[in-house]
Each structure stands twice: as structure tokens, then as C-alpha cells.
C-alpha atoms as a PDB file:
ATOM      1  CA  MET A   1      89.386 120.506   6.895  1.00  0.00           C
ATOM      2  CA  ALA A   2      87.170 118.161   6.265  1.00  0.00           C
ATOM      3  CA  VAL A   3      89.388 115.675   4.949  1.00  0.00           C
ATOM      4  CA  LEU A   4      91.244 115.959   8.549  1.00  0.00           C
ATOM      5  CA  ASN A   5      87.988 115.540  10.358  1.00  0.00           C
ATOM      6  CA  VAL A   6      87.371 112.057   8.438  1.00  0.00           C
ATOM      7  CA  TYR A   7      91.555 110.729   9.533  1.00  0.00           C
ATOM      8  CA  ASN A   8      90.797 111.403  13.216  1.00  0.00           C
ATOM      9  CA  ALA A   9      87.665 109.857  13.121  1.00  0.00           C
ATOM     10  CA  LYS A  10      88.463 106.829  11.592  1.00  0.00           C
ATOM     11  CA  LYS A  11      91.634 106.519  13.745  1.00  0.00           C
ATOM     12  CA  MET A  12      89.553 107.495  16.820  1.00  0.00           C
ATOM     13  CA  ALA A  13      86.820 104.283  15.500  1.00  0.00           C
ATOM     14  CA  LYS A  14      90.482 102.311  15.108  1.00  0.00           C
ATOM     15  CA  SER A  15      92.305 103.393  18.690  1.00  0.00           C
ATOM     16  CA  ALA A  16      88.098 102.272  20.057  1.00  0.00           C
ATOM     17  CA  ASN A  17      87.434  99.142  18.148  1.00  0.00           C
ATOM     18  CA  LEU A  18      91.569  97.780  19.385  1.00  0.00           C
ATOM     19  CA  ALA A  19      90.525  98.792  23.463  1.00  0.00           C
ATOM     20  CA  GLY A  20      87.358  96.705  22.789  1.00  0.00           C
ATOM     21  CA  LYS A  21      89.140  94.020  21.343  1.00  0.00           C
ATOM     22  CA  GLN A  22      91.635  93.882  24.100  1.00  0.00           C
ATOM     23  CA  LYS A  23      88.486  94.191  26.821  1.00  0.00           C
ATOM     24  CA  ARG A  24      87.507  91.209  25.104  1.00  0.00           C
ATOM     25  CA  LEU A  25      90.555  89.522  25.582  1.00  0.00           C
ATOM     26  CA  ALA A  26      90.860  90.038  29.365  1.00  0.00           C
ATOM     27  CA  ASP A  27      87.370  88.740  29.449  1.00  0.00           C
ATOM     28  CA  ILE A  28      87.624  85.445  27.963  1.00  0.00           C
ATOM     29  CA  ALA A  29      91.136  85.315  29.238  1.00  0.00           C
ATOM     30  CA  LEU A  30      89.476  85.451  32.745  1.00  0.00           C
ATOM     31  CA  MET A  31      87.054  82.983  31.559  1.00  0.00           C
ATOM     32  CA  LEU A  32      89.088  80.542  30.446  1.00  0.00           C
ATOM     33  CA  GLU A  33      91.222  81.068  33.934  1.00  0.00           C
ATOM     34  CA  GLN A  34      87.826  80.174  35.532  1.00  0.00           C
ATOM     35  CA  GLY A  35      87.379  76.650  33.888  1.00  0.00           C
ATOM     36  CA  ILE A  36      84.868  77.846  31.217  1.00  0.00           C
ATOM     37  CA  GLU A  37      84.106  75.962  28.629  1.00  0.00           C
ATOM     38  CA  ARG A  38      84.523  77.249  25.144  1.00  0.00           C
ATOM     39  CA  LYS A  39      81.012  76.543  23.667  1.00  0.00           C
ATOM     40  CA  GLU A  40      79.582  78.727  27.197  1.00  0.00           C
ATOM     41  CA  ILE A  41      82.298  81.124  26.227  1.00  0.00           C
ATOM     42  CA  VAL A  42      81.089  81.305  22.624  1.00  0.00           C
ATOM     43  CA  GLN A  43      77.813  82.041  24.117  1.00  0.00           C
ATOM     44  CA  LYS A  44      78.595  85.028  26.335  1.00  0.00           C
ATOM     45  CA  VAL A  45      80.765  86.845  23.688  1.00  0.00           C
ATOM     46  CA  ALA A  46      78.119  86.427  21.035  1.00  0.00           C
ATOM     47  CA  LYS A  47      75.722  87.742  23.556  1.00  0.00           C
ATOM     48  CA  SER A  48      77.829  90.864  24.562  1.00  0.00           C
ATOM     49  CA  CYS A  49      79.232  91.962  20.754  1.00  0.00           C
ATOM     50  CA  LYS A  50      77.828  90.517  16.971  1.00  0.00           C
ATOM     51  CA  ALA A  51      80.686  88.331  15.928  1.00  0.00           C
ATOM     52  CA  SER A  52      80.676  85.036  14.404  1.00  0.00           C
ATOM     53  CA  THR A  53      82.004  81.870  15.957  1.00  0.00           C
ATOM     54  CA  ARG A  54      85.129  81.764  14.179  1.00  0.00           C
ATOM     55  CA  ALA A  55      86.169  85.256  15.708  1.00  0.00           C
ATOM     56  CA  ILE A  56      85.509  84.219  18.934  1.00  0.00           C
ATOM     57  CA  ASP A  57      87.343  81.398  18.305  1.00  0.00           C
ATOM     58  CA  ASN A  58      90.532  83.471  17.465  1.00  0.00           C
ATOM     59  CA  TRP A  59      89.865  85.665  20.335  1.00  0.00           C
ATOM     60  CA  ILE A  60      89.916  82.513  22.662  1.00  0.00           C
ATOM     61  CA  LYS A  61      93.037  81.551  21.042  1.00  0.00           C
ATOM     62  CA  GLU A  62      94.682  85.131  21.311  1.00  0.00           C
ATOM     63  CA  ALA A  63      92.929  84.910  25.239  1.00  0.00           C
ATOM     64  CA  LYS A  64      94.666  81.562  25.589  1.00  0.00           C
ATOM     65  CA  LEU A  65      97.968  82.673  24.831  1.00  0.00           C
ATOM     66  CA  ILE A  66      97.636  85.615  27.420  1.00  0.00           C
ATOM     67  CA  VAL A  67      96.782  83.277  29.994  1.00  0.00           C
ATOM     68  CA  LEU A  68      99.753  80.864  29.118  1.00  0.00           C
ATOM     69  CA  GLU A  69     102.132  84.117  29.589  1.00  0.00           C
ATOM     70  CA  ARG A  70     100.710  84.995  32.970  1.00  0.00           C
ATOM     71  CA  ASN A  71     100.583  81.299  34.371  1.00  0.00           C
ATOM     72  CA  LYS A  72     104.317  81.865  32.746  1.00  0.00           C
ATOM     73  CA  LYS A  73     105.249  84.924  35.239  1.00  0.00           C
ATOM     74  CA  VAL A  74     103.171  83.499  38.317  1.00  0.00           C
ATOM     75  CA  GLU A  75     105.359  80.168  37.931  1.00  0.00           C
ATOM     76  CA  GLU A  76     108.175  82.320  37.323  1.00  0.00           C
ATOM     77  CA  ALA A  77     107.624  84.583  40.622  1.00  0.00           C
ATOM     78  CA  VAL A  78     106.633  81.526  42.579  1.00  0.00           C
ATOM     79  CA  THR A  79     110.120  79.907  41.978  1.00  0.00           C
ATOM     80  CA  GLU A  80     112.184  82.756  42.271  1.00  0.00           C
ATOM     81  CA  LEU A  81     110.831  83.007  46.042  1.00  0.00           C
ATOM     82  CA  SER A  82     110.987  79.421  46.962  1.00  0.00           C
ATOM     83  CA  ILE A  83     114.565  79.865  45.712  1.00  0.00           C
ATOM     84  CA  GLN A  84     114.727  82.590  47.962  1.00  0.00           C
ATOM     85  CA  LYS A  85     113.063  81.069  50.842  1.00  0.00           C
ATOM     86  CA  GLY A  86     115.064  77.999  50.817  1.00  0.00           C
ATOM     87  CA  VAL A  87     118.347  80.110  51.017  1.00  0.00           C
ATOM     88  CA  GLU A  88     116.927  82.463  53.959  1.00  0.00           C
ATOM     89  CA  ARG A  89     116.479  78.692  55.725  1.00  0.00           C
ATOM     90  CA  GLN A  90     119.901  77.524  54.735  1.00  0.00           C
ATOM     91  CA  ASN A  91     121.307  80.682  55.908  1.00  0.00           C
ATOM     92  CA  LYS A  92     119.258  80.345  59.298  1.00  0.00           C
ATOM     93  CA  ALA A  93     120.380  76.965  59.427  1.00  0.00           C
ATOM     94  CA  ILE A  94     124.091  77.616  59.153  1.00  0.00           C
ATOM     95  CA  LEU A  95     126.078  79.375  62.320  1.00  0.00           C
ATOM     96  CA  THR A  96     128.548  81.886  61.540  1.00  0.00           C
ATOM     97  CA  LYS A  97     131.275  81.316  64.501  1.00  0.00           C
ATOM     98  CA  ASP A  98     130.568  84.477  66.287  1.00  0.00           C
ATOM     99  CA  GLU A  99     126.460  82.624  66.748  1.00  0.00           C
ATOM    100  CA  ALA A 100     128.308  79.297  67.533  1.00  0.00           C
ATOM    101  CA  LEU A 101     130.635  81.399  70.071  1.00  0.00           C
ATOM    102  CA  GLU A 102     127.637  83.000  71.403  1.00  0.00           C
ATOM    103  CA  VAL A 103     125.400  79.871  71.981  1.00  0.00           C
ATOM    104  CA  LEU A 104     128.433  78.426  73.905  1.00  0.00           C
ATOM    105  CA  THR A 105     129.241  80.985  75.676  1.00  0.00           C
ATOM    106  CA  LYS A 106     125.886  81.236  76.829  1.00  0.00           C
ATOM    107  CA  ILE A 107     125.902  77.768  78.160  1.00  0.00           C
ATOM    108  CA  ALA A 108     129.139  78.126  79.571  1.00  0.00           C
ATOM    109  CA  ASN A 109     127.476  81.313  81.807  1.00  0.00           C
ATOM    110  CA  ASP A 110     124.442  79.435  82.438  1.00  0.00           C
ATOM    111  CA  PRO A 111     124.102  79.273  86.318  1.00  0.00           C
ATOM    112  CA  LEU A 112     124.312  75.625  87.376  1.00  0.00           C
ATOM    113  CA  LYS A 113     120.883  73.935  87.805  1.00  0.00           C
ATOM    114  CA  GLU A 114     119.660  71.501  90.436  1.00  0.00           C
ATOM    115  CA  THR A 115     118.755  67.889  88.044  1.00  0.00           C
ATOM    116  CA  GLN A 116     117.527  64.891  88.812  1.00  0.00           C
ATOM    117  CA  ASN A 117     120.907  63.677  88.298  1.00  0.00           C
ATOM    118  CA  GLY A 118     122.409  66.282  90.200  1.00  0.00           C
ATOM    119  CA  VAL A 119     124.709  69.082  89.484  1.00  0.00           C
ATOM    120  CA  ALA A 120     127.477  67.128  87.650  1.00  0.00           C
ATOM    121  CA  SER A 121     125.989  67.125  84.769  1.00  0.00           C
ATOM    122  CA  ALA A 122     124.958  70.882  84.410  1.00  0.00           C
ATOM    123  CA  LYS A 123     128.621  71.104  85.029  1.00  0.00           C
ATOM    124  CA  THR A 124     129.521  68.601  82.445  1.00  0.00           C
ATOM    125  CA  GLU A 125     128.226  70.705  79.713  1.00  0.00           C
ATOM    126  CA  GLN A 126     129.715  74.197  80.697  1.00  0.00           C
ATOM    127  CA  ILE A 127     133.167  72.091  80.588  1.00  0.00           C
ATOM    128  CA  ASN A 128     132.563  70.885  77.023  1.00  0.00           C
ATOM    129  CA  ALA A 129     130.954  74.489  75.698  1.00  0.00           C
ATOM    130  CA  ILE A 130     134.359  76.140  77.362  1.00  0.00           C
ATOM    131  CA  LYS A 131     136.384  73.564  75.678  1.00  0.00           C
ATOM    132  CA  THR A 132     134.445  73.907  72.173  1.00  0.00           C
ATOM    133  CA  ILE A 133     135.018  77.997  72.923  1.00  0.00           C
ATOM    134  CA  ALA A 134     138.701  77.459  73.319  1.00  0.00           C
ATOM    135  CA  GLU A 135     139.465  74.886  70.175  1.00  0.00           C
ATOM    136  CA  LEU A 136     137.055  77.915  68.267  1.00  0.00           C
ATOM    137  CA  LEU A 137     139.346  80.298  69.468  1.00  0.00           C
ATOM    138  CA  GLY A 138     142.545  78.612  68.648  1.00  0.00           C
ATOM    139  CA  TRP A 139     143.828  78.647  72.701  1.00  0.00           C
ATOM    140  CA  VAL A 140     144.153  74.730  72.311  1.00  0.00           C
ATOM    141  CA  ALA A 141     148.135  74.292  71.851  1.00  0.00           C
ATOM    142  CA  PRO A 142     148.652  71.770  68.567  1.00  0.00           C
ATOM    143  CA  LYS A 143     148.824  68.103  69.613  1.00  0.00           C
ATOM    144  CA  LYS A 144     151.501  65.839  68.681  1.00  0.00           C
ATOM    145  CA  GLN A 145     150.649  62.743  66.830  1.00  0.00           C
ATOM    146  CA  GLU A 146     153.092  59.851  66.257  1.00  0.00           C
ATOM    147  CA  ILE A 147     152.698  57.738  63.248  1.00  0.00           C
ATOM    148  CA  GLU A 148     154.905  53.904  62.328  1.00  0.00           C
ATOM    149  CA  ILE A 149     155.201  53.308  58.680  1.00  0.00           C
ATOM    150  CA  ASP A 150     157.096  50.143  58.638  1.00  0.00           C
ATOM    151  CA  THR A 151     160.177  50.579  61.253  1.00  0.00           C
ATOM    152  CA  LYS A 152     160.992  54.070  61.315  1.00  0.00           C
ATOM    153  CA  THR A 153     158.724  56.002  63.324  1.00  0.00           C
ATOM    154  CA  ILE A 154     158.007  59.413  61.803  1.00  0.00           C
ATOM    155  CA  LYS A 155     156.900  62.562  64.151  1.00  0.00           C
ATOM    156  CA  VAL A 156     154.688  64.373  62.728  1.00  0.00           C
ATOM    157  CA  VAL A 157     153.258  67.798  64.793  1.00  0.00           C
ATOM    158  CA  ARG A 158     150.107  69.629  63.670  1.00  0.00           C
ATOM    159  CA  GLU A 159     150.115  73.513  63.503  1.00  0.00           C
END
């Protein structure tokens, strides 16, 4: 029974030391992120726990790795976010056929407004919108085009 108690006491002490070390590393990483120099970190850590400069330097090295890993994760998150924002901007910038038809329909249905040049300019906008709608929906019949090559005439019909 006494052997078991000694074993449990050692295990708990080791666990406490590990937790203490992790806390020290977290504190040192925070100091590094704040831009505190090595000399000042060594002084602060030496006051809070009795450790050699060499041990503290080793902790600083480990803390630097932690900081680098954190920074890498932050950079990856920022990069992913900026990619998502870029895709969203592109998707918003590109109109779908339905969105284009909706905009053109609004223009075509706008009531005529009196402008400085007269009402004709508003009518022109409406007529152009209707023509564009007709082209998008395929209401316009194919146009015949003639192409001349040398002396022969070839008729091409677009479909």
C-alpha cells in the first residue's frame, strides 16, 4: 500500500511539473508575442521560478516554436478568409442570366422621365433594354451573312 502511495505521489508531482512547464511556456510565448527581449524574459522567469539561464533559454526556444505555429495558423486562416472574400466579390460581380434579365426588365419598365435632353433619351434606354432582352431570350432570328472568298460567294447562315 505504501509503494502505491509513493507511485501516485510521483505521478502527481510529474503531472504538476508538466502543467507548470506548459504555463511557463505559455507565459514566455505571450512575452515573445509582445516583443519583450530575451534578457527581460530571463529576468522575469528567473524571479517567478528558480531555474538556470540555460533552462530558461531552452524554454524560450520551445516558446518560439509555439509562437511560430500560432502565427502559421493565423496566416492560414487569414489566407482562407481572403480567398473566400475574393470568391464572394467575384460571384457578386458576375451577373447570372436571370439577374441580367431582371435589371433589363426594370430599365424597360421604368416610367418615362423628363430629362434635360428630353424624353427621347429615356425611350432609347428602354428600347435598347428590350432589344438586349430579346437577344438573351433568343427572340431574334438568325442573321444571314455573306462572305466572299476570291470569286465565289459563300452564304453562311448563323443559327
